[in-house]
Amino acid sequence: MSKTSGKVYGVSLGPGDPELITIKALKTLQHSDKIYYPASVSEKKGNSSFSLPILKELGLNDLQLHPIPLKMSYDRSEAEGAYFELFQKIKADIEQDLHVSVVSEGDISFFSTFAYLLKHLKANDISYEMIPGVPAFILAGAKSKLPICTLSDKVLVDPNVDSPEGLLKQLQENDTIVLMKVSKVKTWIADFILEHKPELFYGEYLGTDKEFITDDAEVLRDRRIPYFTIIILKKVNKDKGGALSGVEV
């Protein structure tokens, strides 16, 4: 590309509470000519966006805001296509010397679809900056009023656990397990927790007006567990021989 003064910013919005965005991220958005935000496309529910209410609460100009329509699916080929279309728009924006922000819930480098855009920016030598933020599981740690880890604790973040046996093995090998994208555990997670008795934090839509938190596994038996859920499981303690107390082995 020819030299331009435009630039792309990957901006972290934080986990849901608009007050948890960083000062740097907010200033970047306020000085952006365009802000692209992800919007989920559903045949049943139409378009929805977790990011848009945050942007609205921050007092940004509606004329700055432009949706990125994305279908929710484990098949990410459609997301790849959507982000290539976005790249084409951004390329045109940059050629007009515009400053463009692409936002993501949580942190821009942590399970963020911004990754699909990076290869196109790099390949075309487009200047960009990534601005970090608070991931949802860090807010979950604060809401639980307990540390996620201390000293030499091992922490595993898993977005794809698919069986009780697999989760038990992970809990035996780590001190804290953070479960994200929890659709695969819905039918058995309550029974797993009640049987093996790890310490539990469960949170939905953290930082929003729909927030729900509990440490009672019984509550989860008949609960509809949504996509925006964080589950943290911790070993209760370890005895001198290394066996787990509170987690059956």
C-alpha atoms as a PDB file:
ATOM      1  CA  MET A   1       0.000   0.000   0.000  1.00  0.00           C
ATOM      2  CA  SER A   2       1.020   3.588  -0.504  1.00  0.00           C
ATOM      3  CA  LYS A   3       1.896   5.582   2.602  1.00  0.00           C
ATOM      4  CA  THR A   4      -1.138   6.920   4.474  1.00  0.00           C
ATOM      5  CA  SER A   5      -1.725   8.467   7.880  1.00  0.00           C
ATOM      6  CA  GLY A   6      -4.683   6.217   8.674  1.00  0.00           C
ATOM      7  CA  LYS A   7      -4.375   3.506  11.299  1.00  0.00           C
ATOM      8  CA  VAL A   8      -6.282   0.493  12.635  1.00  0.00           C
ATOM      9  CA  TYR A   9      -6.830  -0.118  16.347  1.00  0.00           C
ATOM     10  CA  GLY A  10      -7.939  -3.382  17.914  1.00  0.00           C
ATOM     11  CA  VAL A  11      -9.730  -2.124  21.015  1.00  0.00           C
ATOM     12  CA  SER A  12     -10.700  -4.221  24.038  1.00  0.00           C
ATOM     13  CA  LEU A  13     -14.073  -3.328  25.558  1.00  0.00           C
ATOM     14  CA  GLY A  14     -13.691  -5.382  28.724  1.00  0.00           C
ATOM     15  CA  PRO A  15     -16.142  -8.018  29.974  1.00  0.00           C
ATOM     16  CA  GLY A  16     -19.409  -6.062  29.894  1.00  0.00           C
ATOM     17  CA  ASP A  17     -19.323  -3.275  32.467  1.00  0.00           C
ATOM     18  CA  PRO A  18     -18.549  -0.057  30.516  1.00  0.00           C
ATOM     19  CA  GLU A  19     -16.571   1.235  33.508  1.00  0.00           C
ATOM     20  CA  LEU A  20     -14.075  -1.618  33.081  1.00  0.00           C
ATOM     21  CA  ILE A  21     -12.775  -0.316  29.752  1.00  0.00           C
ATOM     22  CA  THR A  22      -9.296   1.205  30.015  1.00  0.00           C
ATOM     23  CA  ILE A  23      -8.709   4.942  29.684  1.00  0.00           C
ATOM     24  CA  LYS A  24      -6.506   4.322  26.643  1.00  0.00           C
ATOM     25  CA  ALA A  25      -9.201   2.242  24.946  1.00  0.00           C
ATOM     26  CA  LEU A  26     -11.872   4.881  25.585  1.00  0.00           C
ATOM     27  CA  LYS A  27      -9.687   7.699  24.250  1.00  0.00           C
ATOM     28  CA  THR A  28      -8.930   5.649  21.139  1.00  0.00           C
ATOM     29  CA  LEU A  29     -12.626   5.090  20.463  1.00  0.00           C
ATOM     30  CA  GLN A  30     -13.450   8.748  21.037  1.00  0.00           C
ATOM     31  CA  HIS A  31     -10.874   9.768  18.421  1.00  0.00           C
ATOM     32  CA  SER A  32     -11.789   7.091  15.862  1.00  0.00           C
ATOM     33  CA  ASP A  33     -13.493   8.019  12.599  1.00  0.00           C
ATOM     34  CA  LYS A  34     -15.153   4.597  12.415  1.00  0.00           C
ATOM     35  CA  ILE A  35     -15.787   1.870  14.981  1.00  0.00           C
ATOM     36  CA  TYR A  36     -16.584  -1.649  13.782  1.00  0.00           C
ATOM     37  CA  TYR A  37     -18.277  -3.927  16.322  1.00  0.00           C
ATOM     38  CA  PRO A  38     -19.302  -7.633  16.123  1.00  0.00           C
ATOM     39  CA  ALA A  39     -23.012  -8.414  15.767  1.00  0.00           C
ATOM     40  CA  SER A  40     -24.319 -11.979  15.973  1.00  0.00           C
ATOM     41  CA  VAL A  41     -26.708 -13.060  13.220  1.00  0.00           C
ATOM     42  CA  SER A  42     -29.371 -15.601  14.165  1.00  0.00           C
ATOM     43  CA  GLU A  43     -32.231 -16.883  12.019  1.00  0.00           C
ATOM     44  CA  LYS A  44     -34.433 -17.129  15.128  1.00  0.00           C
ATOM     45  CA  LYS A  45     -33.421 -13.997  17.027  1.00  0.00           C
ATOM     46  CA  GLY A  46     -32.179 -11.666  14.273  1.00  0.00           C
ATOM     47  CA  ASN A  47     -29.121  -9.504  14.936  1.00  0.00           C
ATOM     48  CA  SER A  48     -27.775  -8.870  18.419  1.00  0.00           C
ATOM     49  CA  SER A  49     -24.561  -7.460  19.815  1.00  0.00           C
ATOM     50  CA  PHE A  50     -22.916  -7.715  23.222  1.00  0.00           C
ATOM     51  CA  SER A  51     -20.575  -4.859  22.231  1.00  0.00           C
ATOM     52  CA  LEU A  52     -23.167  -2.306  21.114  1.00  0.00           C
ATOM     53  CA  PRO A  53     -24.687  -1.570  24.567  1.00  0.00           C
ATOM     54  CA  ILE A  54     -21.174  -0.952  25.916  1.00  0.00           C
ATOM     55  CA  LEU A  55     -20.398   1.463  23.073  1.00  0.00           C
ATOM     56  CA  LYS A  56     -23.728   3.239  23.577  1.00  0.00           C
ATOM     57  CA  GLU A  57     -23.096   3.597  27.316  1.00  0.00           C
ATOM     58  CA  LEU A  58     -19.721   5.176  26.574  1.00  0.00           C
ATOM     59  CA  GLY A  59     -21.496   8.021  24.768  1.00  0.00           C
ATOM     60  CA  LEU A  60     -19.986   7.458  21.344  1.00  0.00           C
ATOM     61  CA  ASN A  61     -21.549   9.000  18.254  1.00  0.00           C
ATOM     62  CA  ASP A  62     -23.936   6.614  16.456  1.00  0.00           C
ATOM     63  CA  LEU A  63     -22.432   7.715  13.151  1.00  0.00           C
ATOM     64  CA  GLN A  64     -19.122   6.177  14.228  1.00  0.00           C
ATOM     65  CA  LEU A  65     -20.631   2.725  14.771  1.00  0.00           C
ATOM     66  CA  HIS A  66     -20.691   0.028  12.078  1.00  0.00           C
ATOM     67  CA  PRO A  67     -21.701  -3.629  12.693  1.00  0.00           C
ATOM     68  CA  ILE A  68     -19.736  -6.707  11.604  1.00  0.00           C
ATOM     69  CA  PRO A  69     -22.439  -9.368  10.993  1.00  0.00           C
ATOM     70  CA  LEU A  70     -21.240 -12.770  12.248  1.00  0.00           C
ATOM     71  CA  LYS A  71     -23.079 -16.091  12.406  1.00  0.00           C
ATOM     72  CA  MET A  72     -22.577 -17.969  15.664  1.00  0.00           C
ATOM     73  CA  SER A  73     -21.042 -21.320  14.712  1.00  0.00           C
ATOM     74  CA  TYR A  74     -18.153 -23.635  15.573  1.00  0.00           C
ATOM     75  CA  ASP A  75     -17.425 -23.599  11.822  1.00  0.00           C
ATOM     76  CA  ARG A  76     -15.354 -20.447  11.576  1.00  0.00           C
ATOM     77  CA  SER A  77     -15.141 -20.326   7.762  1.00  0.00           C
ATOM     78  CA  GLU A  78     -18.032 -17.852   7.628  1.00  0.00           C
ATOM     79  CA  ALA A  79     -16.319 -15.659  10.212  1.00  0.00           C
ATOM     80  CA  GLU A  80     -13.179 -15.746   8.063  1.00  0.00           C
ATOM     81  CA  GLY A  81     -15.244 -14.507   5.116  1.00  0.00           C
ATOM     82  CA  ALA A  82     -16.911 -11.778   7.184  1.00  0.00           C
ATOM     83  CA  TYR A  83     -13.550 -10.499   8.383  1.00  0.00           C
ATOM     84  CA  PHE A  84     -12.144 -10.496   4.863  1.00  0.00           C
ATOM     85  CA  GLU A  85     -15.086  -8.302   3.827  1.00  0.00           C
ATOM     86  CA  LEU A  86     -14.324  -6.105   6.828  1.00  0.00           C
ATOM     87  CA  PHE A  87     -10.705  -5.885   5.750  1.00  0.00           C
ATOM     88  CA  GLN A  88     -11.768  -4.610   2.329  1.00  0.00           C
ATOM     89  CA  LYS A  89     -13.781  -1.851   4.020  1.00  0.00           C
ATOM     90  CA  ILE A  90     -10.912  -0.989   6.357  1.00  0.00           C
ATOM     91  CA  LYS A  91      -8.475  -0.855   3.470  1.00  0.00           C
ATOM     92  CA  ALA A  92     -10.693   1.735   1.779  1.00  0.00           C
ATOM     93  CA  ASP A  93     -10.954   3.649   5.076  1.00  0.00           C
ATOM     94  CA  ILE A  94      -7.187   3.708   5.503  1.00  0.00           C
ATOM     95  CA  GLU A  95      -6.703   4.969   1.956  1.00  0.00           C
ATOM     96  CA  GLN A  96      -8.862   7.923   3.023  1.00  0.00           C
ATOM     97  CA  ASP A  97      -6.542   8.507   6.015  1.00  0.00           C
ATOM     98  CA  LEU A  98      -9.215   7.484   8.531  1.00  0.00           C
ATOM     99  CA  HIS A  99      -8.540   6.127  12.000  1.00  0.00           C
ATOM    100  CA  VAL A 100     -10.499   2.888  12.415  1.00  0.00           C
ATOM    101  CA  SER A 101     -11.217   0.863  15.555  1.00  0.00           C
ATOM    102  CA  VAL A 102     -12.330  -2.769  15.621  1.00  0.00           C
ATOM    103  CA  VAL A 103     -13.673  -3.696  19.043  1.00  0.00           C
ATOM    104  CA  SER A 104     -13.918  -6.966  20.915  1.00  0.00           C
ATOM    105  CA  GLU A 105     -15.510  -7.960  24.207  1.00  0.00           C
ATOM    106  CA  GLY A 106     -12.978  -8.898  26.878  1.00  0.00           C
ATOM    107  CA  ASP A 107      -9.426  -8.652  25.600  1.00  0.00           C
ATOM    108  CA  ILE A 108      -8.578  -8.143  21.924  1.00  0.00           C
ATOM    109  CA  SER A 109      -5.952 -10.934  21.929  1.00  0.00           C
ATOM    110  CA  PHE A 110      -7.841 -13.483  24.063  1.00  0.00           C
ATOM    111  CA  PHE A 111     -10.236 -15.670  22.020  1.00  0.00           C
ATOM    112  CA  SER A 112     -11.029 -12.608  19.918  1.00  0.00           C
ATOM    113  CA  THR A 113     -12.223 -12.753  16.305  1.00  0.00           C
ATOM    114  CA  PHE A 114      -9.858  -9.821  15.665  1.00  0.00           C
ATOM    115  CA  ALA A 115      -7.323 -12.582  14.963  1.00  0.00           C
ATOM    116  CA  TYR A 116      -9.048 -13.209  11.614  1.00  0.00           C
ATOM    117  CA  LEU A 117      -8.251  -9.642  10.584  1.00  0.00           C
ATOM    118  CA  LEU A 118      -4.588  -9.657  11.598  1.00  0.00           C
ATOM    119  CA  LYS A 119      -3.250 -11.724   8.692  1.00  0.00           C
ATOM    120  CA  HIS A 120      -4.820  -9.353   6.164  1.00  0.00           C
ATOM    121  CA  LEU A 121      -3.436  -6.273   7.920  1.00  0.00           C
ATOM    122  CA  LYS A 122       0.037  -7.795   8.071  1.00  0.00           C
ATOM    123  CA  ALA A 123       0.007  -8.993   4.465  1.00  0.00           C
ATOM    124  CA  ASN A 124      -0.926  -5.496   3.269  1.00  0.00           C
ATOM    125  CA  ASP A 125       1.484  -3.648   5.569  1.00  0.00           C
ATOM    126  CA  ILE A 126      -1.328  -1.719   7.266  1.00  0.00           C
ATOM    127  CA  SER A 127      -0.331  -0.063  10.521  1.00  0.00           C
ATOM    128  CA  TYR A 128      -2.263  -1.331  13.549  1.00  0.00           C
ATOM    129  CA  GLU A 129      -2.182  -1.327  17.345  1.00  0.00           C
ATOM    130  CA  MET A 130      -3.831  -3.696  19.826  1.00  0.00           C
ATOM    131  CA  ILE A 131      -5.087  -2.202  23.084  1.00  0.00           C
ATOM    132  CA  PRO A 132      -5.497  -4.740  25.918  1.00  0.00           C
ATOM    133  CA  GLY A 133      -8.423  -5.044  28.289  1.00  0.00           C
ATOM    134  CA  VAL A 134     -10.006  -7.056  31.109  1.00  0.00           C
ATOM    135  CA  PRO A 135     -11.018 -10.617  30.095  1.00  0.00           C
ATOM    136  CA  ALA A 136     -14.296 -11.959  31.484  1.00  0.00           C
ATOM    137  CA  PHE A 137     -12.586 -14.609  33.626  1.00  0.00           C
ATOM    138  CA  ILE A 138     -10.560 -11.925  35.422  1.00  0.00           C
ATOM    139  CA  LEU A 139     -13.809 -10.179  36.324  1.00  0.00           C
ATOM    140  CA  ALA A 140     -15.112 -13.588  37.431  1.00  0.00           C
ATOM    141  CA  GLY A 141     -12.190 -13.872  39.836  1.00  0.00           C
ATOM    142  CA  ALA A 142     -13.070 -10.499  41.336  1.00  0.00           C
ATOM    143  CA  LYS A 143     -16.761 -11.406  41.589  1.00  0.00           C
ATOM    144  CA  SER A 144     -15.887 -14.659  43.354  1.00  0.00           C
ATOM    145  CA  LYS A 145     -13.931 -12.651  45.964  1.00  0.00           C
ATOM    146  CA  LEU A 146     -11.239 -15.331  45.791  1.00  0.00           C
ATOM    147  CA  PRO A 147      -7.887 -15.479  43.966  1.00  0.00           C
ATOM    148  CA  ILE A 148      -7.814 -17.362  40.686  1.00  0.00           C
ATOM    149  CA  CYS A 149      -4.288 -18.439  41.522  1.00  0.00           C
ATOM    150  CA  THR A 150      -1.526 -17.881  44.061  1.00  0.00           C
ATOM    151  CA  LEU A 151       2.176 -18.716  44.199  1.00  0.00           C
ATOM    152  CA  SER A 152       2.850 -21.645  41.827  1.00  0.00           C
ATOM    153  CA  ASP A 153      -0.773 -22.622  41.100  1.00  0.00           C
ATOM    154  CA  LYS A 154      -1.422 -23.955  37.612  1.00  0.00           C
ATOM    155  CA  VAL A 155      -4.374 -22.403  35.777  1.00  0.00           C
ATOM    156  CA  LEU A 156      -5.977 -23.839  32.645  1.00  0.00           C
ATOM    157  CA  VAL A 157      -8.419 -21.898  30.467  1.00  0.00           C
ATOM    158  CA  ASP A 158     -10.450 -24.335  28.372  1.00  0.00           C
ATOM    159  CA  PRO A 159     -12.954 -23.251  25.692  1.00  0.00           C
ATOM    160  CA  ASN A 160     -13.702 -26.767  24.488  1.00  0.00           C
ATOM    161  CA  VAL A 161     -14.055 -29.314  27.299  1.00  0.00           C
ATOM    162  CA  ASP A 162     -16.361 -32.065  26.036  1.00  0.00           C
ATOM    163  CA  SER A 163     -16.622 -34.798  28.673  1.00  0.00           C
ATOM    164  CA  PRO A 164     -16.697 -35.318  32.451  1.00  0.00           C
ATOM    165  CA  GLU A 165     -13.672 -37.624  32.150  1.00  0.00           C
ATOM    166  CA  GLY A 166     -11.684 -34.965  30.331  1.00  0.00           C
ATOM    167  CA  LEU A 167     -12.603 -32.294  32.866  1.00  0.00           C
ATOM    168  CA  LEU A 168     -11.709 -34.549  35.808  1.00  0.00           C
ATOM    169  CA  LYS A 169      -8.280 -35.219  34.310  1.00  0.00           C
ATOM    170  CA  GLN A 170      -7.719 -31.474  33.862  1.00  0.00           C
ATOM    171  CA  LEU A 171      -8.751 -30.781  37.434  1.00  0.00           C
ATOM    172  CA  GLN A 172      -6.352 -33.432  38.679  1.00  0.00           C
ATOM    173  CA  GLU A 173      -3.484 -31.853  36.718  1.00  0.00           C
ATOM    174  CA  ASN A 174      -4.231 -28.171  37.480  1.00  0.00           C
ATOM    175  CA  ASP A 175      -5.234 -26.093  40.487  1.00  0.00           C
ATOM    176  CA  THR A 176      -7.829 -23.943  38.725  1.00  0.00           C
ATOM    177  CA  ILE A 177      -9.896 -24.614  35.603  1.00  0.00           C
ATOM    178  CA  VAL A 178     -11.628 -21.755  33.782  1.00  0.00           C
ATOM    179  CA  LEU A 179     -14.375 -22.976  31.444  1.00  0.00           C
ATOM    180  CA  MET A 180     -15.435 -20.713  28.586  1.00  0.00           C
ATOM    181  CA  LYS A 181     -17.853 -21.330  25.701  1.00  0.00           C
ATOM    182  CA  VAL A 182     -19.588 -23.833  27.932  1.00  0.00           C
ATOM    183  CA  SER A 183     -22.304 -25.245  25.657  1.00  0.00           C
ATOM    184  CA  LYS A 184     -20.762 -28.735  25.729  1.00  0.00           C
ATOM    185  CA  VAL A 185     -20.936 -29.050  29.525  1.00  0.00           C
ATOM    186  CA  LYS A 186     -24.540 -27.938  30.057  1.00  0.00           C
ATOM    187  CA  THR A 187     -26.081 -31.370  30.533  1.00  0.00           C
ATOM    188  CA  TRP A 188     -23.584 -32.754  33.045  1.00  0.00           C
ATOM    189  CA  ILE A 189     -21.669 -29.955  34.786  1.00  0.00           C
ATOM    190  CA  ALA A 190     -23.960 -29.847  37.854  1.00  0.00           C
ATOM    191  CA  ASP A 191     -23.618 -33.600  38.472  1.00  0.00           C
ATOM    192  CA  PHE A 192     -19.844 -33.361  37.957  1.00  0.00           C
ATOM    193  CA  ILE A 193     -19.462 -30.616  40.569  1.00  0.00           C
ATOM    194  CA  LEU A 194     -21.719 -32.344  43.090  1.00  0.00           C
ATOM    195  CA  GLU A 195     -19.781 -35.607  42.698  1.00  0.00           C
ATOM    196  CA  HIS A 196     -16.210 -34.298  42.749  1.00  0.00           C
ATOM    197  CA  LYS A 197     -16.801 -31.190  44.904  1.00  0.00           C
ATOM    198  CA  PRO A 198     -14.352 -28.640  43.522  1.00  0.00           C
ATOM    199  CA  GLU A 199     -14.835 -25.059  44.662  1.00  0.00           C
ATOM    200  CA  LEU A 200     -17.241 -23.382  42.200  1.00  0.00           C
ATOM    201  CA  PHE A 201     -17.812 -19.950  40.738  1.00  0.00           C
ATOM    202  CA  TYR A 202     -20.526 -19.641  38.103  1.00  0.00           C
ATOM    203  CA  GLY A 203     -21.276 -16.347  36.340  1.00  0.00           C
ATOM    204  CA  GLU A 204     -23.507 -15.293  33.431  1.00  0.00           C
ATOM    205  CA  TYR A 205     -23.295 -11.988  31.538  1.00  0.00           C
ATOM    206  CA  LEU A 206     -20.775 -10.592  34.003  1.00  0.00           C
ATOM    207  CA  GLY A 207     -20.717  -6.830  34.280  1.00  0.00           C
ATOM    208  CA  THR A 208     -24.155  -6.362  32.701  1.00  0.00           C
ATOM    209  CA  ASP A 209     -27.692  -5.877  34.008  1.00  0.00           C
ATOM    210  CA  LYS A 210     -28.325  -9.572  33.229  1.00  0.00           C
ATOM    211  CA  GLU A 211     -25.530 -10.731  35.558  1.00  0.00           C
ATOM    212  CA  PHE A 212     -26.172 -13.873  37.568  1.00  0.00           C
ATOM    213  CA  ILE A 213     -23.639 -15.539  39.866  1.00  0.00           C
ATOM    214  CA  THR A 214     -23.746 -18.535  42.194  1.00  0.00           C
ATOM    215  CA  ASP A 215     -21.520 -21.041  43.965  1.00  0.00           C
ATOM    216  CA  ASP A 216     -24.353 -23.593  44.346  1.00  0.00           C
ATOM    217  CA  ALA A 217     -24.154 -26.416  41.803  1.00  0.00           C
ATOM    218  CA  GLU A 218     -27.731 -27.487  42.568  1.00  0.00           C
ATOM    219  CA  VAL A 219     -28.935 -24.241  40.981  1.00  0.00           C
ATOM    220  CA  LEU A 220     -27.395 -25.318  37.672  1.00  0.00           C
ATOM    221  CA  ARG A 221     -29.393 -28.529  37.328  1.00  0.00           C
ATOM    222  CA  ASP A 222     -32.352 -26.969  35.531  1.00  0.00           C
ATOM    223  CA  ARG A 223     -30.754 -23.702  34.493  1.00  0.00           C
ATOM    224  CA  ARG A 224     -30.434 -22.679  30.874  1.00  0.00           C
ATOM    225  CA  ILE A 225     -26.687 -21.951  30.614  1.00  0.00           C
ATOM    226  CA  PRO A 226     -26.073 -19.178  28.041  1.00  0.00           C
ATOM    227  CA  TYR A 227     -23.059 -18.628  25.798  1.00  0.00           C
ATOM    228  CA  PHE A 228     -21.751 -15.709  27.885  1.00  0.00           C
ATOM    229  CA  THR A 229     -21.000 -17.847  30.940  1.00  0.00           C
ATOM    230  CA  ILE A 230     -17.793 -18.359  32.905  1.00  0.00           C
ATOM    231  CA  ILE A 231     -17.307 -21.351  35.208  1.00  0.00           C
ATOM    232  CA  ILE A 232     -14.299 -21.510  37.526  1.00  0.00           C
ATOM    233  CA  LEU A 233     -13.464 -24.762  39.327  1.00  0.00           C
ATOM    234  CA  LYS A 234     -10.733 -24.958  41.967  1.00  0.00           C
ATOM    235  CA  LYS A 235      -9.250 -27.803  43.957  1.00  0.00           C
ATOM    236  CA  VAL A 236     -10.250 -27.499  47.586  1.00  0.00           C
ATOM    237  CA  ASN A 237      -6.743 -28.449  48.824  1.00  0.00           C
ATOM    238  CA  LYS A 238      -3.927 -30.961  48.363  1.00  0.00           C
ATOM    239  CA  ASP A 239      -2.636 -33.370  50.999  1.00  0.00           C
ATOM    240  CA  LYS A 240       1.024 -34.180  51.525  1.00  0.00           C
ATOM    241  CA  GLY A 241       0.957 -37.163  49.199  1.00  0.00           C
ATOM    242  CA  GLY A 242      -0.341 -35.117  46.302  1.00  0.00           C
ATOM    243  CA  ALA A 243      -3.806 -36.704  46.203  1.00  0.00           C
ATOM    244  CA  LEU A 244      -6.708 -34.312  45.842  1.00  0.00           C
ATOM    245  CA  SER A 245      -9.053 -33.558  48.712  1.00  0.00           C
ATOM    246  CA  GLY A 246     -12.485 -32.623  47.428  1.00  0.00           C
ATOM    247  CA  VAL A 247     -11.779 -34.051  43.946  1.00  0.00           C
ATOM    248  CA  GLU A 248     -12.017 -37.787  43.517  1.00  0.00           C
ATOM    249  CA  VAL A 249      -9.170 -39.473  41.650  1.00  0.00           C
END
